[in-house]
């Protein structure tokens, strides 16, 4: 999987057509706002309902949609998203079906889409085939949480060929040196995990989170926007992250919880998803 570091550099610096994620983030910032990135699991609670829920999320104010391609061992995900992934898998959702769902969302909304999945899925399909299929189905970016910087050269190269933003993650305890390396190859945005552990709603955040945001933002020197996710579920959380320096906020489990607690009341789920997206989006707007 690895190749030379020089190929990383050349791929990072070569010119290419601007990605819809980059365009959307610039548009949002030009309006005096910060970006809201919503997360859904493809095929949850079922293949058809998830499309309507995604559109409700977008209608409520989500700027970019992250679509989880379900995997049997989602190590970065907490219990809420794990349960959603298992249900999606039991519904027969495959990467191909997840791509089909993404295509329908893109056709209905023209919203920038980011796929999130694990390297095993990319490897089984083949990096070239995965990237080609993803782009053909309207996916603009990719997050692979278990893909390390050291092993990413081939994926970076193929993503660049297909105009895909390959988005990397860093954590509060990632070293300055490593953040600098990862920020140099991450496209679209750099994703800072706000807390130690897996995804899932939190009641509160600690000072190490805001300190990490300030540190990472300073090290990035404006190379790409900084997105912060994991545990964010309320407008107060959004303001906390933005005040510390985040350019974008990623929210997942809070949306999934609305679906999980919806008891198959589709109208109620749609209303709840739309309302939460609206409240969180309002919190991303700069205060007068």
C-alpha atoms as a PDB file:
ATOM      1  CA  UNK A   1       0.000   0.000   0.000  1.00  0.00           C
ATOM      2  CA  UNK A   2       2.881   2.395   0.677  1.00  0.00           C
ATOM      3  CA  UNK A   3       4.908   4.293  -1.900  1.00  0.00           C
ATOM      4  CA  UNK A   4       7.334   7.187  -1.636  1.00  0.00           C
ATOM      5  CA  UNK A   5       6.702  10.353   0.356  1.00  0.00           C
ATOM      6  CA  UNK A   6       7.504  12.328  -2.789  1.00  0.00           C
ATOM      7  CA  UNK A   7       4.343  10.950  -4.416  1.00  0.00           C
ATOM      8  CA  UNK A   8       2.382  12.284  -1.456  1.00  0.00           C
ATOM      9  CA  UNK A   9       3.839  15.701  -2.029  1.00  0.00           C
ATOM     10  CA  UNK A  10       3.237  15.727  -5.768  1.00  0.00           C
ATOM     11  CA  UNK A  11      -0.333  14.499  -5.380  1.00  0.00           C
ATOM     12  CA  UNK A  12      -0.975  17.136  -2.748  1.00  0.00           C
ATOM     13  CA  UNK A  13       0.376  20.000  -4.851  1.00  0.00           C
ATOM     14  CA  UNK A  14      -0.914  19.099  -8.321  1.00  0.00           C
ATOM     15  CA  UNK A  15      -3.737  21.207  -9.736  1.00  0.00           C
ATOM     16  CA  UNK A  16      -7.173  19.672 -10.100  1.00  0.00           C
ATOM     17  CA  UNK A  17     -10.793  20.638 -10.530  1.00  0.00           C
ATOM     18  CA  UNK A  18     -12.224  22.071  -7.337  1.00  0.00           C
ATOM     19  CA  UNK A  19     -14.148  19.558  -5.251  1.00  0.00           C
ATOM     20  CA  UNK A  20     -17.777  20.355  -4.232  1.00  0.00           C
ATOM     21  CA  UNK A  21     -16.770  20.025  -0.562  1.00  0.00           C
ATOM     22  CA  UNK A  22     -14.211  22.816  -0.960  1.00  0.00           C
ATOM     23  CA  UNK A  23     -16.745  24.961  -2.818  1.00  0.00           C
ATOM     24  CA  UNK A  24     -19.450  24.461  -0.189  1.00  0.00           C
ATOM     25  CA  UNK A  25     -17.142  25.226   2.728  1.00  0.00           C
ATOM     26  CA  UNK A  26     -15.987  28.425   1.057  1.00  0.00           C
ATOM     27  CA  UNK A  27     -19.594  29.459   0.367  1.00  0.00           C
ATOM     28  CA  UNK A  28     -20.607  28.829   3.975  1.00  0.00           C
ATOM     29  CA  UNK A  29     -17.695  30.840   5.351  1.00  0.00           C
ATOM     30  CA  UNK A  30     -18.429  33.682   2.910  1.00  0.00           C
ATOM     31  CA  UNK A  31     -21.916  33.920   4.439  1.00  0.00           C
ATOM     32  CA  UNK A  32     -20.380  34.443   7.862  1.00  0.00           C
ATOM     33  CA  UNK A  33     -21.271  30.940   9.037  1.00  0.00           C
ATOM     34  CA  UNK A  34     -19.540  27.749  10.052  1.00  0.00           C
ATOM     35  CA  UNK A  35     -20.367  24.438   8.383  1.00  0.00           C
ATOM     36  CA  UNK A  36     -22.686  21.789   9.777  1.00  0.00           C
ATOM     37  CA  UNK A  37     -21.854  18.254   8.662  1.00  0.00           C
ATOM     38  CA  UNK A  38     -24.540  15.680   9.409  1.00  0.00           C
ATOM     39  CA  UNK A  39     -23.974  11.926   9.555  1.00  0.00           C
ATOM     40  CA  UNK A  40     -26.310   9.087   8.591  1.00  0.00           C
ATOM     41  CA  UNK A  41     -25.892   5.345   8.121  1.00  0.00           C
ATOM     42  CA  UNK A  42     -26.843   4.175   4.631  1.00  0.00           C
ATOM     43  CA  UNK A  43     -29.841   1.861   4.882  1.00  0.00           C
ATOM     44  CA  UNK A  44     -30.861   2.807   8.438  1.00  0.00           C
ATOM     45  CA  UNK A  45     -33.585   2.355   9.533  1.00  0.00           C
ATOM     46  CA  UNK A  46     -34.275   0.978   6.048  1.00  0.00           C
ATOM     47  CA  UNK A  47     -33.189   1.670   2.504  1.00  0.00           C
ATOM     48  CA  UNK A  48     -36.124   3.926   1.615  1.00  0.00           C
ATOM     49  CA  UNK A  49     -36.663   5.837   4.854  1.00  0.00           C
ATOM     50  CA  UNK A  50     -33.003   6.824   5.123  1.00  0.00           C
ATOM     51  CA  UNK A  51     -33.315   8.835   1.906  1.00  0.00           C
ATOM     52  CA  UNK A  52     -36.171  10.913   3.325  1.00  0.00           C
ATOM     53  CA  UNK A  53     -34.288  11.358   6.599  1.00  0.00           C
ATOM     54  CA  UNK A  54     -31.183  12.550   4.744  1.00  0.00           C
ATOM     55  CA  UNK A  55     -33.227  15.097   2.825  1.00  0.00           C
ATOM     56  CA  UNK A  56     -34.872  16.263   6.075  1.00  0.00           C
ATOM     57  CA  UNK A  57     -31.409  16.764   7.554  1.00  0.00           C
ATOM     58  CA  UNK A  58     -30.373  18.816   4.528  1.00  0.00           C
ATOM     59  CA  UNK A  59     -33.646  20.758   4.584  1.00  0.00           C
ATOM     60  CA  UNK A  60     -32.973  21.621   8.227  1.00  0.00           C
ATOM     61  CA  UNK A  61     -29.632  23.173   7.380  1.00  0.00           C
ATOM     62  CA  UNK A  62     -26.914  20.535   7.005  1.00  0.00           C
ATOM     63  CA  UNK A  63     -24.260  21.833   4.597  1.00  0.00           C
ATOM     64  CA  UNK A  64     -22.430  18.556   3.918  1.00  0.00           C
ATOM     65  CA  UNK A  65     -23.728  15.026   4.454  1.00  0.00           C
ATOM     66  CA  UNK A  66     -21.531  12.200   5.702  1.00  0.00           C
ATOM     67  CA  UNK A  67     -22.842   8.752   4.763  1.00  0.00           C
ATOM     68  CA  UNK A  68     -21.666   5.760   6.729  1.00  0.00           C
ATOM     69  CA  UNK A  69     -21.203   2.588   4.687  1.00  0.00           C
ATOM     70  CA  UNK A  70     -22.020  -0.082   7.284  1.00  0.00           C
ATOM     71  CA  UNK A  71     -19.290  -2.463   8.382  1.00  0.00           C
ATOM     72  CA  UNK A  72     -19.433  -5.423  10.762  1.00  0.00           C
ATOM     73  CA  UNK A  73     -16.637  -4.169  13.040  1.00  0.00           C
ATOM     74  CA  UNK A  74     -16.950  -0.364  13.263  1.00  0.00           C
ATOM     75  CA  UNK A  75     -14.161   0.267  15.773  1.00  0.00           C
ATOM     76  CA  UNK A  76     -14.431   4.076  15.806  1.00  0.00           C
ATOM     77  CA  UNK A  77     -18.182   4.090  16.401  1.00  0.00           C
ATOM     78  CA  UNK A  78     -20.003   4.053  19.700  1.00  0.00           C
ATOM     79  CA  UNK A  79     -23.045   1.914  20.577  1.00  0.00           C
ATOM     80  CA  UNK A  80     -25.605   4.131  18.820  1.00  0.00           C
ATOM     81  CA  UNK A  81     -23.957   4.056  15.406  1.00  0.00           C
ATOM     82  CA  UNK A  82     -22.896   0.426  15.862  1.00  0.00           C
ATOM     83  CA  UNK A  83     -26.532  -0.587  16.336  1.00  0.00           C
ATOM     84  CA  UNK A  84     -27.548   1.412  13.279  1.00  0.00           C
ATOM     85  CA  UNK A  85     -24.801  -0.249  11.232  1.00  0.00           C
ATOM     86  CA  UNK A  86     -25.853  -3.737  12.312  1.00  0.00           C
ATOM     87  CA  UNK A  87     -29.473  -3.018  11.374  1.00  0.00           C
ATOM     88  CA  UNK A  88     -28.390  -1.667   7.986  1.00  0.00           C
ATOM     89  CA  UNK A  89     -26.310  -4.790   7.366  1.00  0.00           C
ATOM     90  CA  UNK A  90     -29.244  -6.987   8.355  1.00  0.00           C
ATOM     91  CA  UNK A  91     -31.307  -5.022   5.820  1.00  0.00           C
ATOM     92  CA  UNK A  92     -28.887  -6.233   3.152  1.00  0.00           C
ATOM     93  CA  UNK A  93     -27.029  -2.962   2.654  1.00  0.00           C
ATOM     94  CA  UNK A  94     -23.831  -3.498   0.683  1.00  0.00           C
ATOM     95  CA  UNK A  95     -21.332  -0.881  -0.506  1.00  0.00           C
ATOM     96  CA  UNK A  96     -23.069  -0.932  -3.894  1.00  0.00           C
ATOM     97  CA  UNK A  97     -26.466  -0.252  -2.290  1.00  0.00           C
ATOM     98  CA  UNK A  98     -24.920   2.469  -0.129  1.00  0.00           C
ATOM     99  CA  UNK A  99     -23.556   4.085  -3.289  1.00  0.00           C
ATOM    100  CA  UNK A 100     -27.019   3.870  -4.875  1.00  0.00           C
ATOM    101  CA  UNK A 101     -28.503   5.654  -1.842  1.00  0.00           C
ATOM    102  CA  UNK A 102     -25.818   8.327  -2.141  1.00  0.00           C
ATOM    103  CA  UNK A 103     -26.657   8.822  -5.810  1.00  0.00           C
ATOM    104  CA  UNK A 104     -30.335   9.366  -4.980  1.00  0.00           C
ATOM    105  CA  UNK A 105     -29.450  11.885  -2.275  1.00  0.00           C
ATOM    106  CA  UNK A 106     -27.119  13.778  -4.616  1.00  0.00           C
ATOM    107  CA  UNK A 107     -29.707  13.840  -7.408  1.00  0.00           C
ATOM    108  CA  UNK A 108     -32.362  15.174  -5.020  1.00  0.00           C
ATOM    109  CA  UNK A 109     -30.247  17.780  -3.235  1.00  0.00           C
ATOM    110  CA  UNK A 110     -26.892  18.412  -4.941  1.00  0.00           C
ATOM    111  CA  UNK A 111     -25.360  18.415  -1.453  1.00  0.00           C
ATOM    112  CA  UNK A 112     -21.657  17.530  -1.102  1.00  0.00           C
ATOM    113  CA  UNK A 113     -21.360  13.950   0.166  1.00  0.00           C
ATOM    114  CA  UNK A 114     -18.638  12.299   2.229  1.00  0.00           C
ATOM    115  CA  UNK A 115     -18.524   8.510   2.593  1.00  0.00           C
ATOM    116  CA  UNK A 116     -17.238   7.075   5.864  1.00  0.00           C
ATOM    117  CA  UNK A 117     -16.166   3.458   5.973  1.00  0.00           C
ATOM    118  CA  UNK A 118     -13.360   1.168   7.066  1.00  0.00           C
ATOM    119  CA  UNK A 119     -10.350   0.124   5.055  1.00  0.00           C
ATOM    120  CA  UNK A 120     -11.450  -3.506   4.810  1.00  0.00           C
ATOM    121  CA  UNK A 121     -14.337  -2.450   2.564  1.00  0.00           C
ATOM    122  CA  UNK A 122     -12.084  -0.298   0.381  1.00  0.00           C
ATOM    123  CA  UNK A 123      -9.526  -3.114   0.162  1.00  0.00           C
ATOM    124  CA  UNK A 124     -12.073  -5.811  -0.715  1.00  0.00           C
ATOM    125  CA  UNK A 125     -13.505  -3.772  -3.579  1.00  0.00           C
ATOM    126  CA  UNK A 126     -10.069  -2.565  -4.623  1.00  0.00           C
ATOM    127  CA  UNK A 127      -8.968   1.029  -4.102  1.00  0.00           C
ATOM    128  CA  UNK A 128      -9.377   1.977  -7.766  1.00  0.00           C
ATOM    129  CA  UNK A 129     -12.808   0.365  -8.101  1.00  0.00           C
ATOM    130  CA  UNK A 130     -14.026   1.827  -4.806  1.00  0.00           C
ATOM    131  CA  UNK A 131     -12.999   5.371  -5.764  1.00  0.00           C
ATOM    132  CA  UNK A 132     -14.428   5.045  -9.255  1.00  0.00           C
ATOM    133  CA  UNK A 133     -17.780   3.731  -8.005  1.00  0.00           C
ATOM    134  CA  UNK A 134     -17.961   6.337  -5.259  1.00  0.00           C
ATOM    135  CA  UNK A 135     -17.382   9.233  -7.635  1.00  0.00           C
ATOM    136  CA  UNK A 136     -19.824   7.831 -10.191  1.00  0.00           C
ATOM    137  CA  UNK A 137     -22.465   7.814  -7.452  1.00  0.00           C
ATOM    138  CA  UNK A 138     -21.942  11.417  -6.390  1.00  0.00           C
ATOM    139  CA  UNK A 139     -19.585  10.978  -3.442  1.00  0.00           C
ATOM    140  CA  UNK A 140     -17.093  13.823  -3.123  1.00  0.00           C
ATOM    141  CA  UNK A 141     -15.027  12.843  -0.083  1.00  0.00           C
ATOM    142  CA  UNK A 142     -13.935   9.814   1.904  1.00  0.00           C
ATOM    143  CA  UNK A 143     -13.099   9.203   5.566  1.00  0.00           C
ATOM    144  CA  UNK A 144     -11.389   5.926   6.466  1.00  0.00           C
ATOM    145  CA  UNK A 145     -10.787   6.092  10.241  1.00  0.00           C
ATOM    146  CA  UNK A 146      -8.541   3.029  10.393  1.00  0.00           C
ATOM    147  CA  UNK A 147      -6.299   4.135   7.501  1.00  0.00           C
ATOM    148  CA  UNK A 148      -3.042   5.467   8.925  1.00  0.00           C
ATOM    149  CA  UNK A 149      -0.913   8.178   7.372  1.00  0.00           C
ATOM    150  CA  UNK A 150       1.959   5.725   6.912  1.00  0.00           C
ATOM    151  CA  UNK A 151      -0.171   3.289   4.902  1.00  0.00           C
ATOM    152  CA  UNK A 152      -2.151   5.821   2.888  1.00  0.00           C
ATOM    153  CA  UNK A 153       0.020   6.559  -0.154  1.00  0.00           C
ATOM    154  CA  UNK A 154      -1.867   4.369  -2.617  1.00  0.00           C
ATOM    155  CA  UNK A 155      -5.259   5.595  -1.409  1.00  0.00           C
ATOM    156  CA  UNK A 156      -4.081   9.221  -1.592  1.00  0.00           C
ATOM    157  CA  UNK A 157      -2.843   8.664  -5.148  1.00  0.00           C
ATOM    158  CA  UNK A 158      -6.059   7.067  -6.398  1.00  0.00           C
ATOM    159  CA  UNK A 159      -8.261   9.590  -4.577  1.00  0.00           C
ATOM    160  CA  UNK A 160      -6.349  12.392  -6.287  1.00  0.00           C
ATOM    161  CA  UNK A 161      -6.804  10.798  -9.710  1.00  0.00           C
ATOM    162  CA  UNK A 162     -10.567  10.657  -9.164  1.00  0.00           C
ATOM    163  CA  UNK A 163     -10.871  14.123  -7.621  1.00  0.00           C
ATOM    164  CA  UNK A 164     -11.933  12.670  -4.279  1.00  0.00           C
ATOM    165  CA  UNK A 165     -11.216  14.575  -1.057  1.00  0.00           C
ATOM    166  CA  UNK A 166      -9.488  12.080   1.256  1.00  0.00           C
ATOM    167  CA  UNK A 167     -10.128  13.335   4.787  1.00  0.00           C
ATOM    168  CA  UNK A 168      -7.895  12.313   7.675  1.00  0.00           C
ATOM    169  CA  UNK A 169      -8.543  12.256  11.411  1.00  0.00           C
ATOM    170  CA  UNK A 170      -6.419  13.499  14.290  1.00  0.00           C
ATOM    171  CA  UNK A 171      -7.029  13.201  18.032  1.00  0.00           C
ATOM    172  CA  UNK A 172      -6.412  15.474  21.039  1.00  0.00           C
ATOM    173  CA  UNK A 173      -3.231  13.537  21.850  1.00  0.00           C
ATOM    174  CA  UNK A 174      -1.809  13.509  18.302  1.00  0.00           C
ATOM    175  CA  UNK A 175       1.669  15.041  18.317  1.00  0.00           C
ATOM    176  CA  UNK A 176       2.420  18.387  16.669  1.00  0.00           C
ATOM    177  CA  UNK A 177       4.739  16.702  14.175  1.00  0.00           C
ATOM    178  CA  UNK A 178       2.100  14.191  13.152  1.00  0.00           C
ATOM    179  CA  UNK A 179      -0.623  16.830  12.861  1.00  0.00           C
ATOM    180  CA  UNK A 180       1.628  18.776  10.497  1.00  0.00           C
ATOM    181  CA  UNK A 181       2.163  15.689   8.323  1.00  0.00           C
ATOM    182  CA  UNK A 182      -1.519  14.745   8.243  1.00  0.00           C
ATOM    183  CA  UNK A 183      -2.698  18.312   7.601  1.00  0.00           C
ATOM    184  CA  UNK A 184      -0.390  18.324   4.596  1.00  0.00           C
ATOM    185  CA  UNK A 185      -2.283  15.499   2.879  1.00  0.00           C
ATOM    186  CA  UNK A 186      -5.862  15.854   4.167  1.00  0.00           C
ATOM    187  CA  UNK A 187      -8.223  17.273   1.556  1.00  0.00           C
ATOM    188  CA  UNK A 188     -11.576  18.986   2.075  1.00  0.00           C
ATOM    189  CA  UNK A 189     -11.029  19.362   5.793  1.00  0.00           C
ATOM    190  CA  UNK A 190      -9.084  17.875   8.676  1.00  0.00           C
ATOM    191  CA  UNK A 191     -11.280  15.982  11.147  1.00  0.00           C
ATOM    192  CA  UNK A 192     -10.411  16.427  14.813  1.00  0.00           C
ATOM    193  CA  UNK A 193     -11.924  13.812  17.113  1.00  0.00           C
ATOM    194  CA  UNK A 194     -13.131  15.911  20.044  1.00  0.00           C
ATOM    195  CA  UNK A 195     -12.850  13.259  22.754  1.00  0.00           C
ATOM    196  CA  UNK A 196     -10.983  10.078  23.562  1.00  0.00           C
ATOM    197  CA  UNK A 197     -12.913   6.932  22.682  1.00  0.00           C
ATOM    198  CA  UNK A 198     -15.698   6.288  20.206  1.00  0.00           C
ATOM    199  CA  UNK A 199     -18.594   8.294  18.819  1.00  0.00           C
ATOM    200  CA  UNK A 200     -21.681   8.991  20.902  1.00  0.00           C
ATOM    201  CA  UNK A 201     -23.463  11.858  22.617  1.00  0.00           C
ATOM    202  CA  UNK A 202     -21.755  13.514  25.591  1.00  0.00           C
ATOM    203  CA  UNK A 203     -23.263  15.621  28.357  1.00  0.00           C
ATOM    204  CA  UNK A 204     -20.162  17.773  28.612  1.00  0.00           C
ATOM    205  CA  UNK A 205     -16.741  18.370  27.137  1.00  0.00           C
ATOM    206  CA  UNK A 206     -13.510  18.962  28.996  1.00  0.00           C
ATOM    207  CA  UNK A 207     -10.831  21.606  28.617  1.00  0.00           C
ATOM    208  CA  UNK A 208      -8.571  19.207  26.727  1.00  0.00           C
ATOM    209  CA  UNK A 209     -11.021  19.356  23.801  1.00  0.00           C
ATOM    210  CA  UNK A 210     -10.942  23.131  23.380  1.00  0.00           C
ATOM    211  CA  UNK A 211      -7.189  23.160  23.980  1.00  0.00           C
ATOM    212  CA  UNK A 212      -6.794  20.558  21.225  1.00  0.00           C
ATOM    213  CA  UNK A 213      -8.877  22.631  18.805  1.00  0.00           C
ATOM    214  CA  UNK A 214      -6.720  25.706  19.415  1.00  0.00           C
ATOM    215  CA  UNK A 215      -3.504  23.708  19.068  1.00  0.00           C
ATOM    216  CA  UNK A 216      -4.507  21.912  15.872  1.00  0.00           C
ATOM    217  CA  UNK A 217      -5.911  25.092  14.311  1.00  0.00           C
ATOM    218  CA  UNK A 218      -2.630  26.878  14.965  1.00  0.00           C
ATOM    219  CA  UNK A 219      -0.571  24.080  13.447  1.00  0.00           C
ATOM    220  CA  UNK A 220      -2.726  23.844  10.308  1.00  0.00           C
ATOM    221  CA  UNK A 221      -1.925  27.411   9.211  1.00  0.00           C
ATOM    222  CA  UNK A 222      -5.055  27.568   7.064  1.00  0.00           C
ATOM    223  CA  UNK A 223      -4.144  24.641   4.808  1.00  0.00           C
ATOM    224  CA  UNK A 224      -7.664  23.195   5.059  1.00  0.00           C
ATOM    225  CA  UNK A 225     -10.669  23.920   7.305  1.00  0.00           C
ATOM    226  CA  UNK A 226     -10.861  22.178  10.676  1.00  0.00           C
ATOM    227  CA  UNK A 227     -13.925  20.043  11.429  1.00  0.00           C
ATOM    228  CA  UNK A 228     -14.619  18.771  14.937  1.00  0.00           C
ATOM    229  CA  UNK A 229     -16.828  15.783  15.713  1.00  0.00           C
ATOM    230  CA  UNK A 230     -17.675  12.986  18.190  1.00  0.00           C
ATOM    231  CA  UNK A 231     -20.167  13.631  20.959  1.00  0.00           C
ATOM    232  CA  UNK A 232     -21.631  16.922  19.723  1.00  0.00           C
ATOM    233  CA  UNK A 233     -25.406  16.991  20.104  1.00  0.00           C
ATOM    234  CA  UNK A 234     -26.539  20.417  21.328  1.00  0.00           C
ATOM    235  CA  UNK A 235     -26.219  24.018  20.185  1.00  0.00           C
ATOM    236  CA  UNK A 236     -24.098  24.828  23.257  1.00  0.00           C
ATOM    237  CA  UNK A 237     -21.609  22.193  22.101  1.00  0.00           C
ATOM    238  CA  UNK A 238     -21.533  23.767  18.641  1.00  0.00           C
ATOM    239  CA  UNK A 239     -20.768  27.222  20.050  1.00  0.00           C
ATOM    240  CA  UNK A 240     -18.065  25.816  22.317  1.00  0.00           C
ATOM    241  CA  UNK A 241     -16.250  24.192  19.395  1.00  0.00           C
ATOM    242  CA  UNK A 242     -16.624  27.229  17.136  1.00  0.00           C
ATOM    243  CA  UNK A 243     -15.424  29.626  19.825  1.00  0.00           C
ATOM    244  CA  UNK A 244     -12.317  27.449  20.218  1.00  0.00           C
ATOM    245  CA  UNK A 245     -11.560  27.665  16.476  1.00  0.00           C
ATOM    246  CA  UNK A 246     -13.525  24.960  14.617  1.00  0.00           C
ATOM    247  CA  UNK A 247     -14.584  25.765  11.052  1.00  0.00           C
ATOM    248  CA  UNK A 248     -17.094  22.911  10.815  1.00  0.00           C
ATOM    249  CA  UNK A 249     -19.035  20.698  13.203  1.00  0.00           C
ATOM    250  CA  UNK A 250     -19.832  17.011  12.622  1.00  0.00           C
ATOM    251  CA  UNK A 251     -22.950  15.570  14.282  1.00  0.00           C
ATOM    252  CA  UNK A 252     -23.930  11.916  13.996  1.00  0.00           C
ATOM    253  CA  UNK A 253     -25.193  10.047  17.052  1.00  0.00           C
ATOM    254  CA  UNK A 254     -27.692  12.787  17.944  1.00  0.00           C
ATOM    255  CA  UNK A 255     -29.428  12.285  14.590  1.00  0.00           C
ATOM    256  CA  UNK A 256     -29.252   8.495  14.862  1.00  0.00           C
ATOM    257  CA  UNK A 257     -30.800   8.643  18.344  1.00  0.00           C
ATOM    258  CA  UNK A 258     -33.851  10.447  16.973  1.00  0.00           C
ATOM    259  CA  UNK A 259     -34.346   7.639  14.469  1.00  0.00           C
ATOM    260  CA  UNK A 260     -33.718   4.925  17.068  1.00  0.00           C
ATOM    261  CA  UNK A 261     -36.280   6.404  19.449  1.00  0.00           C
ATOM    262  CA  UNK A 262     -38.775   7.121  16.682  1.00  0.00           C
ATOM    263  CA  UNK A 263     -40.673   3.833  17.085  1.00  0.00           C
ATOM    264  CA  UNK A 264     -41.239   3.684  13.324  1.00  0.00           C
ATOM    265  CA  UNK A 265     -43.100   7.025  13.411  1.00  0.00           C
ATOM    266  CA  UNK A 266     -41.665   8.332  10.163  1.00  0.00           C
ATOM    267  CA  UNK A 267     -43.327  11.738  10.340  1.00  0.00           C
ATOM    268  CA  UNK A 268     -42.062  12.195  13.889  1.00  0.00           C
ATOM    269  CA  UNK A 269     -38.552  11.165  12.880  1.00  0.00           C
ATOM    270  CA  UNK A 270     -38.534  13.568   9.935  1.00  0.00           C
ATOM    271  CA  UNK A 271     -39.734  16.421  12.131  1.00  0.00           C
ATOM    272  CA  UNK A 272     -37.153  15.653  14.815  1.00  0.00           C
ATOM    273  CA  UNK A 273     -34.281  15.364  12.342  1.00  0.00           C
ATOM    274  CA  UNK A 274     -35.233  18.601  10.603  1.00  0.00           C
ATOM    275  CA  UNK A 275     -35.624  20.474  13.894  1.00  0.00           C
ATOM    276  CA  UNK A 276     -32.288  19.316  15.302  1.00  0.00           C
ATOM    277  CA  UNK A 277     -30.491  20.221  12.079  1.00  0.00           C
ATOM    278  CA  UNK A 278     -32.104  23.663  12.161  1.00  0.00           C
ATOM    279  CA  UNK A 279     -31.122  24.313  15.785  1.00  0.00           C
ATOM    280  CA  UNK A 280     -27.550  23.182  15.251  1.00  0.00           C
ATOM    281  CA  UNK A 281     -27.218  25.162  12.023  1.00  0.00           C
ATOM    282  CA  UNK A 282     -28.473  28.323  13.727  1.00  0.00           C
ATOM    283  CA  UNK A 283     -25.696  27.885  16.283  1.00  0.00           C
ATOM    284  CA  UNK A 284     -23.091  27.929  13.502  1.00  0.00           C
ATOM    285  CA  UNK A 285     -23.976  31.475  12.508  1.00  0.00           C
ATOM    286  CA  UNK A 286     -21.724  34.227  13.761  1.00  0.00           C
ATOM    287  CA  UNK A 287     -23.230  36.259  16.562  1.00  0.00           C
ATOM    288  CA  UNK A 288     -23.792  39.937  15.841  1.00  0.00           C
END
